[in-house]
C-alpha atoms as a PDB file:
ATOM      1  CA  MET A   1     -12.768  35.551 -17.673  1.00  0.00           C
ATOM      2  CA  MET A   2     -11.477  32.518 -19.527  1.00  0.00           C
ATOM      3  CA  ILE A   3      -9.724  29.779 -17.583  1.00  0.00           C
ATOM      4  CA  PRO A   4      -6.167  29.170 -18.909  1.00  0.00           C
ATOM      5  CA  SER A   5      -5.915  25.922 -20.844  1.00  0.00           C
ATOM      6  CA  HIS A   6      -3.142  24.497 -18.654  1.00  0.00           C
ATOM      7  CA  ILE A   7      -5.399  24.903 -15.589  1.00  0.00           C
ATOM      8  CA  ILE A   8      -8.114  22.894 -17.347  1.00  0.00           C
ATOM      9  CA  GLY A   9      -5.529  20.279 -18.311  1.00  0.00           C
ATOM     10  CA  SER A  10      -4.274  20.114 -14.725  1.00  0.00           C
ATOM     11  CA  PHE A  11      -7.815  19.605 -13.453  1.00  0.00           C
ATOM     12  CA  PHE A  12      -8.391  16.671 -15.792  1.00  0.00           C
ATOM     13  CA  ALA A  13      -5.011  15.161 -14.863  1.00  0.00           C
ATOM     14  CA  ILE A  14      -5.797  15.382 -11.130  1.00  0.00           C
ATOM     15  CA  ALA A  15      -9.217  13.826 -11.749  1.00  0.00           C
ATOM     16  CA  SER A  16      -7.403  11.068 -13.648  1.00  0.00           C
ATOM     17  CA  ALA A  17      -5.216  10.421 -10.585  1.00  0.00           C
ATOM     18  CA  PHE A  18      -8.312   9.989  -8.405  1.00  0.00           C
ATOM     19  CA  SER A  19      -9.863   7.593 -10.917  1.00  0.00           C
ATOM     20  CA  TRP A  20      -6.668   5.577 -11.440  1.00  0.00           C
ATOM     21  CA  GLY A  21      -6.000   5.451  -7.698  1.00  0.00           C
ATOM     22  CA  GLY A  22      -9.454   3.992  -7.115  1.00  0.00           C
ATOM     23  CA  GLY A  23      -9.040   1.592 -10.021  1.00  0.00           C
ATOM     24  CA  ASP A  24      -5.727   0.281  -8.665  1.00  0.00           C
ATOM     25  CA  PHE A  25      -7.055  -0.100  -5.127  1.00  0.00           C
ATOM     26  CA  PHE A  26     -10.136  -2.043  -6.197  1.00  0.00           C
ATOM     27  CA  GLY A  27      -8.124  -3.952  -8.817  1.00  0.00           C
ATOM     28  CA  GLY A  28      -5.811  -5.323  -6.141  1.00  0.00           C
ATOM     29  CA  MET A  29      -8.824  -6.133  -3.964  1.00  0.00           C
ATOM     30  CA  ALA A  30     -10.549  -7.912  -6.872  1.00  0.00           C
ATOM     31  CA  MET A  31      -7.505 -10.118  -7.420  1.00  0.00           C
ATOM     32  CA  GLN A  32      -7.489 -10.998  -3.717  1.00  0.00           C
ATOM     33  CA  LYS A  33     -11.160 -12.010  -3.731  1.00  0.00           C
ATOM     34  CA  GLY A  34     -11.216 -14.032  -6.944  1.00  0.00           C
ATOM     35  CA  LYS A  35      -9.089 -15.664  -9.593  1.00  0.00           C
ATOM     36  CA  LYS A  36      -6.341 -13.185 -10.434  1.00  0.00           C
ATOM     37  CA  PHE A  37      -6.364 -13.263 -14.230  1.00  0.00           C
ATOM     38  CA  GLN A  38     -10.138 -13.599 -14.409  1.00  0.00           C
ATOM     39  CA  ALA A  39     -10.410 -10.367 -12.402  1.00  0.00           C
ATOM     40  CA  LEU A  40      -8.162  -8.619 -14.914  1.00  0.00           C
ATOM     41  CA  VAL A  41     -10.222  -9.878 -17.875  1.00  0.00           C
ATOM     42  CA  ILE A  42     -13.446  -8.640 -16.235  1.00  0.00           C
ATOM     43  CA  ALA A  43     -11.849  -5.251 -15.547  1.00  0.00           C
ATOM     44  CA  MET A  44     -10.728  -4.922 -19.164  1.00  0.00           C
ATOM     45  CA  ILE A  45     -14.171  -5.841 -20.525  1.00  0.00           C
ATOM     46  CA  SER A  46     -16.043  -3.438 -18.235  1.00  0.00           C
ATOM     47  CA  GLY A  47     -13.640  -0.651 -19.170  1.00  0.00           C
ATOM     48  CA  ILE A  48     -14.027  -1.159 -22.910  1.00  0.00           C
ATOM     49  CA  ILE A  49     -17.844  -1.140 -22.584  1.00  0.00           C
ATOM     50  CA  VAL A  50     -17.687   2.238 -20.833  1.00  0.00           C
ATOM     51  CA  LEU A  51     -15.313   3.668 -23.442  1.00  0.00           C
ATOM     52  CA  ALA A  52     -17.429   2.354 -26.321  1.00  0.00           C
ATOM     53  CA  PHE A  53     -20.474   4.118 -24.846  1.00  0.00           C
ATOM     54  CA  VAL A  54     -18.526   7.388 -24.519  1.00  0.00           C
ATOM     55  CA  VAL A  55     -17.324   7.183 -28.133  1.00  0.00           C
ATOM     56  CA  LEU A  56     -20.887   6.562 -29.365  1.00  0.00           C
ATOM     57  CA  VAL A  57     -22.220   9.533 -27.388  1.00  0.00           C
ATOM     58  CA  SER A  58     -19.387  11.871 -28.422  1.00  0.00           C
ATOM     59  CA  LYS A  59     -19.535  10.682 -32.081  1.00  0.00           C
ATOM     60  CA  GLU A  60     -15.765  11.043 -32.273  1.00  0.00           C
ATOM     61  CA  LYS A  61     -14.161   9.713 -35.447  1.00  0.00           C
ATOM     62  CA  PHE A  62     -11.507   7.000 -35.245  1.00  0.00           C
ATOM     63  CA  PRO A  63      -7.932   7.985 -36.123  1.00  0.00           C
ATOM     64  CA  PRO A  64      -6.423   6.832 -39.442  1.00  0.00           C
ATOM     65  CA  LEU A  65      -4.617   3.486 -39.691  1.00  0.00           C
ATOM     66  CA  ASN A  66      -1.142   5.049 -39.474  1.00  0.00           C
ATOM     67  CA  VAL A  67      -2.103   6.530 -36.076  1.00  0.00           C
ATOM     68  CA  ILE A  68      -3.963   3.524 -34.631  1.00  0.00           C
ATOM     69  CA  ILE A  69      -0.705   1.582 -34.238  1.00  0.00           C
ATOM     70  CA  PHE A  70       0.335   3.821 -31.330  1.00  0.00           C
ATOM     71  CA  PRO A  71      -2.780   3.232 -29.177  1.00  0.00           C
ATOM     72  CA  ILE A  72      -2.474  -0.488 -29.941  1.00  0.00           C
ATOM     73  CA  LEU A  73       1.142  -0.507 -28.708  1.00  0.00           C
ATOM     74  CA  ALA A  74       0.115   1.598 -25.710  1.00  0.00           C
ATOM     75  CA  GLY A  75      -2.651  -0.839 -24.822  1.00  0.00           C
ATOM     76  CA  SER A  76      -0.366  -3.851 -25.165  1.00  0.00           C
ATOM     77  CA  PHE A  77       2.299  -2.400 -22.881  1.00  0.00           C
ATOM     78  CA  GLY A  78      -0.311  -0.902 -20.560  1.00  0.00           C
ATOM     79  CA  SER A  79      -2.116  -4.200 -20.071  1.00  0.00           C
ATOM     80  CA  LEU A  80       1.120  -5.923 -19.084  1.00  0.00           C
ATOM     81  CA  GLY A  81       1.945  -3.071 -16.709  1.00  0.00           C
ATOM     82  CA  LEU A  82      -1.537  -2.995 -15.216  1.00  0.00           C
ATOM     83  CA  GLY A  83      -1.665  -6.764 -14.810  1.00  0.00           C
ATOM     84  CA  ALA A  84       1.709  -6.780 -13.056  1.00  0.00           C
ATOM     85  CA  LEU A  85       0.583  -3.890 -10.832  1.00  0.00           C
ATOM     86  CA  TYR A  86      -2.712  -5.500  -9.795  1.00  0.00           C
ATOM     87  CA  TYR A  87      -0.956  -8.825  -9.169  1.00  0.00           C
ATOM     88  CA  ALA A  88       1.652  -7.132  -6.956  1.00  0.00           C
ATOM     89  CA  LEU A  89      -1.036  -5.113  -5.143  1.00  0.00           C
ATOM     90  CA  SER A  90      -2.959  -8.306  -4.394  1.00  0.00           C
ATOM     91  CA  GLU A  91       0.041  -9.498  -2.360  1.00  0.00           C
ATOM     92  CA  ASN A  92      -0.642  -6.786   0.285  1.00  0.00           C
ATOM     93  CA  HIS A  93       2.295  -4.518  -0.556  1.00  0.00           C
ATOM     94  CA  SER A  94       0.221  -1.576  -1.782  1.00  0.00           C
ATOM     95  CA  ALA A  95       2.183   1.042   0.192  1.00  0.00           C
ATOM     96  CA  ILE A  96       5.409  -0.020  -1.541  1.00  0.00           C
ATOM     97  CA  VAL A  97       4.265  -1.308  -4.923  1.00  0.00           C
ATOM     98  CA  ALA A  98       2.021   1.552  -6.102  1.00  0.00           C
ATOM     99  CA  PRO A  99       4.488   4.398  -5.351  1.00  0.00           C
ATOM    100  CA  THR A 100       7.510   2.540  -6.747  1.00  0.00           C
ATOM    101  CA  SER A 101       5.645   1.643  -9.922  1.00  0.00           C
ATOM    102  CA  ALA A 102       4.446   5.242 -10.231  1.00  0.00           C
ATOM    103  CA  VAL A 103       7.967   6.691  -9.933  1.00  0.00           C
ATOM    104  CA  ILE A 104       9.219   4.403 -12.725  1.00  0.00           C
ATOM    105  CA  SER A 105       6.193   5.043 -14.936  1.00  0.00           C
ATOM    106  CA  VAL A 106       6.614   8.827 -14.475  1.00  0.00           C
ATOM    107  CA  ALA A 107      10.374   8.904 -15.026  1.00  0.00           C
ATOM    108  CA  ILE A 108      10.262   7.172 -18.432  1.00  0.00           C
ATOM    109  CA  PRO A 109       7.890   9.600 -20.240  1.00  0.00           C
ATOM    110  CA  VAL A 110       9.208  12.708 -18.438  1.00  0.00           C
ATOM    111  CA  ILE A 111      12.769  11.986 -19.605  1.00  0.00           C
ATOM    112  CA  TYR A 112      11.416  11.261 -23.084  1.00  0.00           C
ATOM    113  CA  ASN A 113       9.459  14.545 -23.172  1.00  0.00           C
ATOM    114  CA  VAL A 114      12.467  16.583 -22.013  1.00  0.00           C
ATOM    115  CA  PHE A 115      14.383  15.336 -25.069  1.00  0.00           C
ATOM    116  CA  ILE A 116      11.422  15.920 -27.390  1.00  0.00           C
ATOM    117  CA  GLY A 117       9.813  19.105 -26.052  1.00  0.00           C
ATOM    118  CA  GLY A 118      12.422  20.730 -23.811  1.00  0.00           C
ATOM    119  CA  LEU A 119      12.161  21.621 -20.138  1.00  0.00           C
ATOM    120  CA  PRO A 120       8.845  22.740 -18.583  1.00  0.00           C
ATOM    121  CA  PRO A 121       8.584  25.958 -16.485  1.00  0.00           C
ATOM    122  CA  THR A 122      10.707  26.207 -13.303  1.00  0.00           C
ATOM    123  CA  THR A 123       7.703  25.929 -10.982  1.00  0.00           C
ATOM    124  CA  ALA A 124       6.663  22.740 -12.765  1.00  0.00           C
ATOM    125  CA  LEU A 125      10.185  21.307 -12.402  1.00  0.00           C
ATOM    126  CA  ILE A 126      10.078  22.007  -8.653  1.00  0.00           C
ATOM    127  CA  GLY A 127       6.642  20.397  -8.566  1.00  0.00           C
ATOM    128  CA  PHE A 128       8.015  17.343 -10.397  1.00  0.00           C
ATOM    129  CA  ALA A 129      10.747  16.939  -7.773  1.00  0.00           C
ATOM    130  CA  ILE A 130       8.272  17.312  -4.905  1.00  0.00           C
ATOM    131  CA  ALA A 131       5.891  14.852  -6.577  1.00  0.00           C
ATOM    132  CA  LEU A 132       8.624  12.202  -6.800  1.00  0.00           C
ATOM    133  CA  ILE A 133       9.575  12.793  -3.139  1.00  0.00           C
ATOM    134  CA  SER A 134       5.924  12.587  -2.106  1.00  0.00           C
ATOM    135  CA  ILE A 135       5.438   9.323  -3.995  1.00  0.00           C
ATOM    136  CA  TRP A 136       8.512   7.900  -2.216  1.00  0.00           C
ATOM    137  CA  LEU A 137       7.219   9.067   1.190  1.00  0.00           C
ATOM    138  CA  VAL A 138       3.877   7.400   0.560  1.00  0.00           C
ATOM    139  CA  SER A 139       5.747   4.083   0.422  1.00  0.00           C
ATOM    140  CA  GLN A 140       7.292   4.526   3.887  1.00  0.00           C
ATOM    141  CA  THR A 141       5.596   2.607   6.720  1.00  0.00           C
ATOM    142  CA  ASP A 142       6.468   3.003  10.404  1.00  0.00           C
ATOM    143  CA  ASN A 143       7.928  -0.481  10.726  1.00  0.00           C
ATOM    144  CA  GLY A 144       9.347  -0.721   7.228  1.00  0.00           C
ATOM    145  CA  GLY A 145       6.667  -3.263   6.269  1.00  0.00           C
ATOM    146  CA  VAL A 146       7.320  -6.695   4.867  1.00  0.00           C
ATOM    147  CA  PRO A 147      10.068  -6.488   2.232  1.00  0.00           C
ATOM    148  CA  LEU A 148       9.161  -7.269  -1.349  1.00  0.00           C
ATOM    149  CA  SER A 149      10.066 -10.731  -2.622  1.00  0.00           C
ATOM    150  CA  LYS A 150      12.046 -11.095  -5.850  1.00  0.00           C
ATOM    151  CA  LYS A 151       8.737 -11.865  -7.571  1.00  0.00           C
ATOM    152  CA  GLY A 152       7.124  -8.748  -6.096  1.00  0.00           C
ATOM    153  CA  LEU A 153      10.088  -6.600  -7.121  1.00  0.00           C
ATOM    154  CA  ALA A 154       9.995  -7.975 -10.679  1.00  0.00           C
ATOM    155  CA  LEU A 155       6.237  -7.334 -10.909  1.00  0.00           C
ATOM    156  CA  THR A 156       6.680  -3.775  -9.608  1.00  0.00           C
ATOM    157  CA  LEU A 157       9.492  -2.977 -12.055  1.00  0.00           C
ATOM    158  CA  GLY A 158       7.517  -4.568 -14.889  1.00  0.00           C
ATOM    159  CA  SER A 159       4.412  -2.556 -14.040  1.00  0.00           C
ATOM    160  CA  GLY A 160       6.343   0.738 -13.997  1.00  0.00           C
ATOM    161  CA  ILE A 161       8.017   0.027 -17.344  1.00  0.00           C
ATOM    162  CA  GLY A 162       4.765  -1.126 -18.971  1.00  0.00           C
ATOM    163  CA  LEU A 163       2.805   1.910 -17.785  1.00  0.00           C
ATOM    164  CA  GLY A 164       5.668   4.244 -18.705  1.00  0.00           C
ATOM    165  CA  PHE A 165       5.580   3.038 -22.307  1.00  0.00           C
ATOM    166  CA  PHE A 166       1.781   3.345 -22.265  1.00  0.00           C
ATOM    167  CA  TYR A 167       2.290   7.087 -21.702  1.00  0.00           C
ATOM    168  CA  ILE A 168       4.938   7.352 -24.434  1.00  0.00           C
ATOM    169  CA  PHE A 169       2.924   5.565 -27.107  1.00  0.00           C
ATOM    170  CA  MET A 170      -0.299   7.411 -26.264  1.00  0.00           C
ATOM    171  CA  SER A 171       1.622  10.689 -26.569  1.00  0.00           C
ATOM    172  CA  GLN A 172       2.142   9.869 -30.267  1.00  0.00           C
ATOM    173  CA  THR A 173      -1.625  10.141 -30.836  1.00  0.00           C
ATOM    174  CA  PRO A 174      -2.404  13.556 -32.394  1.00  0.00           C
ATOM    175  CA  LYS A 175      -4.284  15.933 -30.132  1.00  0.00           C
ATOM    176  CA  GLY A 176      -7.918  16.114 -31.155  1.00  0.00           C
ATOM    177  CA  TYR A 177      -8.448  12.390 -30.742  1.00  0.00           C
ATOM    178  CA  VAL A 178      -9.541  11.698 -27.174  1.00  0.00           C
ATOM    179  CA  PHE A 179     -11.784   8.673 -26.659  1.00  0.00           C
ATOM    180  CA  SER A 180     -11.562   6.681 -29.919  1.00  0.00           C
ATOM    181  CA  PRO A 181      -7.822   5.889 -29.511  1.00  0.00           C
ATOM    182  CA  LEU A 182      -8.667   4.425 -26.118  1.00  0.00           C
ATOM    183  CA  ILE A 183     -10.998   1.896 -27.782  1.00  0.00           C
ATOM    184  CA  CYS A 184      -8.038   0.727 -29.896  1.00  0.00           C
ATOM    185  CA  SER A 185      -5.781   0.738 -26.854  1.00  0.00           C
ATOM    186  CA  ARG A 186      -8.255  -1.123 -24.662  1.00  0.00           C
ATOM    187  CA  SER A 187      -8.989  -3.690 -27.391  1.00  0.00           C
ATOM    188  CA  ALA A 188      -5.280  -4.468 -27.655  1.00  0.00           C
ATOM    189  CA  ALA A 189      -5.056  -4.640 -23.868  1.00  0.00           C
ATOM    190  CA  LEU A 190      -7.996  -7.035 -23.729  1.00  0.00           C
ATOM    191  CA  THR A 191      -6.393  -9.251 -26.391  1.00  0.00           C
ATOM    192  CA  VAL A 192      -3.105  -9.470 -24.459  1.00  0.00           C
ATOM    193  CA  THR A 193      -4.993 -10.103 -21.215  1.00  0.00           C
ATOM    194  CA  LEU A 194      -7.053 -12.893 -22.775  1.00  0.00           C
ATOM    195  CA  ILE A 195      -3.874 -14.568 -24.064  1.00  0.00           C
ATOM    196  CA  ILE A 196      -2.350 -14.445 -20.562  1.00  0.00           C
ATOM    197  CA  PHE A 197      -5.623 -15.715 -19.089  1.00  0.00           C
ATOM    198  CA  LEU A 198      -5.778 -18.680 -21.483  1.00  0.00           C
ATOM    199  CA  ILE A 199      -2.135 -19.570 -20.845  1.00  0.00           C
ATOM    200  CA  SER A 200      -2.712 -19.411 -17.067  1.00  0.00           C
ATOM    201  CA  ARG A 201      -5.711 -21.797 -17.276  1.00  0.00           C
ATOM    202  CA  ASP A 202      -7.188 -19.822 -14.390  1.00  0.00           C
ATOM    203  CA  GLY A 203     -10.786 -20.820 -15.091  1.00  0.00           C
ATOM    204  CA  PHE A 204     -13.770 -18.486 -15.397  1.00  0.00           C
ATOM    205  CA  LYS A 205     -16.688 -18.291 -12.952  1.00  0.00           C
ATOM    206  CA  GLY A 206     -18.746 -15.640 -14.713  1.00  0.00           C
ATOM    207  CA  SER A 207     -18.477 -11.869 -15.024  1.00  0.00           C
ATOM    208  CA  LEU A 208     -20.798 -11.151 -12.073  1.00  0.00           C
ATOM    209  CA  SER A 209     -18.797 -13.335  -9.691  1.00  0.00           C
ATOM    210  CA  ASN A 210     -16.381 -10.457  -9.006  1.00  0.00           C
ATOM    211  CA  PRO A 211     -18.231  -7.108  -9.097  1.00  0.00           C
ATOM    212  CA  ILE A 212     -15.222  -5.301  -7.601  1.00  0.00           C
ATOM    213  CA  ALA A 213     -13.312  -6.130 -10.799  1.00  0.00           C
ATOM    214  CA  ILE A 214     -16.078  -4.426 -12.799  1.00  0.00           C
ATOM    215  CA  LEU A 215     -15.718  -1.287 -10.672  1.00  0.00           C
ATOM    216  CA  SER A 216     -11.944  -1.402 -11.084  1.00  0.00           C
ATOM    217  CA  GLY A 217     -12.260  -1.567 -14.866  1.00  0.00           C
ATOM    218  CA  VAL A 218     -14.692   1.347 -14.985  1.00  0.00           C
ATOM    219  CA  LEU A 219     -12.414   3.518 -12.830  1.00  0.00           C
ATOM    220  CA  ASP A 220      -9.300   2.598 -14.825  1.00  0.00           C
ATOM    221  CA  ALA A 221     -11.048   3.409 -18.115  1.00  0.00           C
ATOM    222  CA  GLY A 222     -12.259   6.676 -16.595  1.00  0.00           C
ATOM    223  CA  GLY A 223      -8.693   7.529 -15.608  1.00  0.00           C
ATOM    224  CA  ASN A 224      -7.535   6.859 -19.170  1.00  0.00           C
ATOM    225  CA  ALA A 225     -10.242   9.105 -20.607  1.00  0.00           C
ATOM    226  CA  LEU A 226      -9.472  11.925 -18.158  1.00  0.00           C
ATOM    227  CA  TYR A 227      -5.754  11.646 -18.906  1.00  0.00           C
ATOM    228  CA  MET A 228      -6.446  11.922 -22.650  1.00  0.00           C
ATOM    229  CA  LEU A 229      -8.525  15.026 -21.959  1.00  0.00           C
ATOM    230  CA  ALA A 230      -5.691  16.470 -19.847  1.00  0.00           C
ATOM    231  CA  ARG A 231      -3.156  16.167 -22.653  1.00  0.00           C
ATOM    232  CA  GLN A 232      -5.442  18.195 -24.943  1.00  0.00           C
ATOM    233  CA  TYR A 233      -4.884  21.254 -22.742  1.00  0.00           C
ATOM    234  CA  THR A 234      -1.417  21.010 -21.188  1.00  0.00           C
ATOM    235  CA  ARG A 235       2.086  19.649 -21.762  1.00  0.00           C
ATOM    236  CA  GLU A 236       2.434  15.886 -21.926  1.00  0.00           C
ATOM    237  CA  ASP A 237       4.886  15.681 -19.035  1.00  0.00           C
ATOM    238  CA  ILE A 238       2.688  17.829 -16.785  1.00  0.00           C
ATOM    239  CA  ALA A 239      -0.324  15.617 -17.526  1.00  0.00           C
ATOM    240  CA  VAL A 240       1.778  12.521 -16.791  1.00  0.00           C
ATOM    241  CA  VAL A 241       3.140  13.746 -13.451  1.00  0.00           C
ATOM    242  CA  LEU A 242      -0.170  15.079 -12.142  1.00  0.00           C
ATOM    243  CA  SER A 243      -2.059  11.937 -13.105  1.00  0.00           C
ATOM    244  CA  SER A 244       0.649   9.796 -11.485  1.00  0.00           C
ATOM    245  CA  VAL A 245       0.095  10.981  -7.910  1.00  0.00           C
ATOM    246  CA  TYR A 246      -2.539   8.223  -7.722  1.00  0.00           C
ATOM    247  CA  PRO A 247      -0.571   6.228  -5.082  1.00  0.00           C
ATOM    248  CA  ALA A 248      -1.637   8.852  -2.546  1.00  0.00           C
ATOM    249  CA  ILE A 249      -5.272   8.104  -3.430  1.00  0.00           C
ATOM    250  CA  ASN A 250      -4.517   4.390  -3.109  1.00  0.00           C
ATOM    251  CA  VAL A 251      -3.082   4.877   0.393  1.00  0.00           C
ATOM    252  CA  VAL A 252      -5.994   7.033   1.569  1.00  0.00           C
ATOM    253  CA  LEU A 253      -8.519   4.481   0.272  1.00  0.00           C
ATOM    254  CA  ALA A 254      -6.629   1.683   2.063  1.00  0.00           C
ATOM    255  CA  TRP A 255      -6.862   3.745   5.272  1.00  0.00           C
ATOM    256  CA  LEU A 256     -10.563   4.517   4.826  1.00  0.00           C
ATOM    257  CA  ILE A 257     -11.849   1.159   3.580  1.00  0.00           C
ATOM    258  CA  VAL A 258      -9.608  -1.589   4.953  1.00  0.00           C
ATOM    259  CA  LYS A 259      -8.319   0.440   7.931  1.00  0.00           C
ATOM    260  CA  GLU A 260      -4.699   0.005   6.873  1.00  0.00           C
ATOM    261  CA  ALA A 261      -2.324   1.824   9.233  1.00  0.00           C
ATOM    262  CA  ILE A 262      -0.824   4.967   7.685  1.00  0.00           C
ATOM    263  CA  SER A 263       2.535   6.251   8.916  1.00  0.00           C
ATOM    264  CA  LYS A 264       3.411   9.912   9.513  1.00  0.00           C
ATOM    265  CA  LYS A 265       5.745   9.798   6.517  1.00  0.00           C
ATOM    266  CA  GLN A 266       2.927   8.557   4.333  1.00  0.00           C
ATOM    267  CA  TRP A 267       0.642  11.385   5.473  1.00  0.00           C
ATOM    268  CA  LEU A 268       3.485  13.832   4.748  1.00  0.00           C
ATOM    269  CA  GLY A 269       3.697  12.283   1.291  1.00  0.00           C
ATOM    270  CA  VAL A 270      -0.016  12.874   0.744  1.00  0.00           C
ATOM    271  CA  VAL A 271       0.367  16.529   1.792  1.00  0.00           C
ATOM    272  CA  LEU A 272       3.376  16.997  -0.496  1.00  0.00           C
ATOM    273  CA  CYS A 273       1.334  15.536  -3.352  1.00  0.00           C
ATOM    274  CA  VAL A 274      -1.088  18.426  -2.873  1.00  0.00           C
ATOM    275  CA  VAL A 275       1.827  20.923  -2.832  1.00  0.00           C
ATOM    276  CA  ALA A 276       3.257  19.392  -6.012  1.00  0.00           C
ATOM    277  CA  VAL A 277      -0.122  19.613  -7.701  1.00  0.00           C
ATOM    278  CA  GLY A 278      -0.312  23.305  -6.847  1.00  0.00           C
ATOM    279  CA  LEU A 279       3.158  24.074  -8.209  1.00  0.00           C
ATOM    280  CA  ILE A 280       2.703  22.116 -11.424  1.00  0.00           C
ATOM    281  CA  SER A 281      -0.700  23.681 -12.027  1.00  0.00           C
ATOM    282  CA  ILE A 282       0.497  27.315 -11.752  1.00  0.00           C
END
């Protein structure tokens, strides 16, 4: 019995959420432990090394020049979004920042895909609604937490917009190209990150001075690769929504590793994430 393609796509998208959630958690931790922009540069470099190895092993051809522009734009916007996200996460607002950024980054490509490809099945639409509610619940602490500063709010909004346009531009890459567009995307992201790093004059201690940043980069690159695999098998908007439940992973990791208190609403959000995944995957 053959497994339906959308089930395979859903599996890859969920795996992407786990990888991205881990990448975001460790990315915020890396920025706390070392120089912020240096951590981002290290993460970008480690990610591109992993992707280059995968492309060599898979022997996938690079897309033509008229297609490469879209991964380059995706990487440029994505690097700004990711940098803003990691910076905001390093300020200890993970329970608010990650879900809010995720809602914005999901809304932009989903609205775009509705105009381009029409509405998905009813069960998926219900799953979308539950996913957005679950992401909001994940951001609710028992005591309301420390409110975001204007800087934190700007970083969160910027991260959501940047990551949302990453999805849109990557969706312009023809299906059949999986890993090679990510090399183009990551190279553009690294270029933008290096420019920001040089402007910041943050200083550089050496790539091994922040091993958590290396792990973050590997997980983020893995999430990108899994997302690109997901879109080979299912609708773009379904891949986007399923991969964007990563804030729940972020919250669980914060509870397990740094013993961050998790409210009942946040646990309900995690459970609803699972429900949403089930509905969208049907």
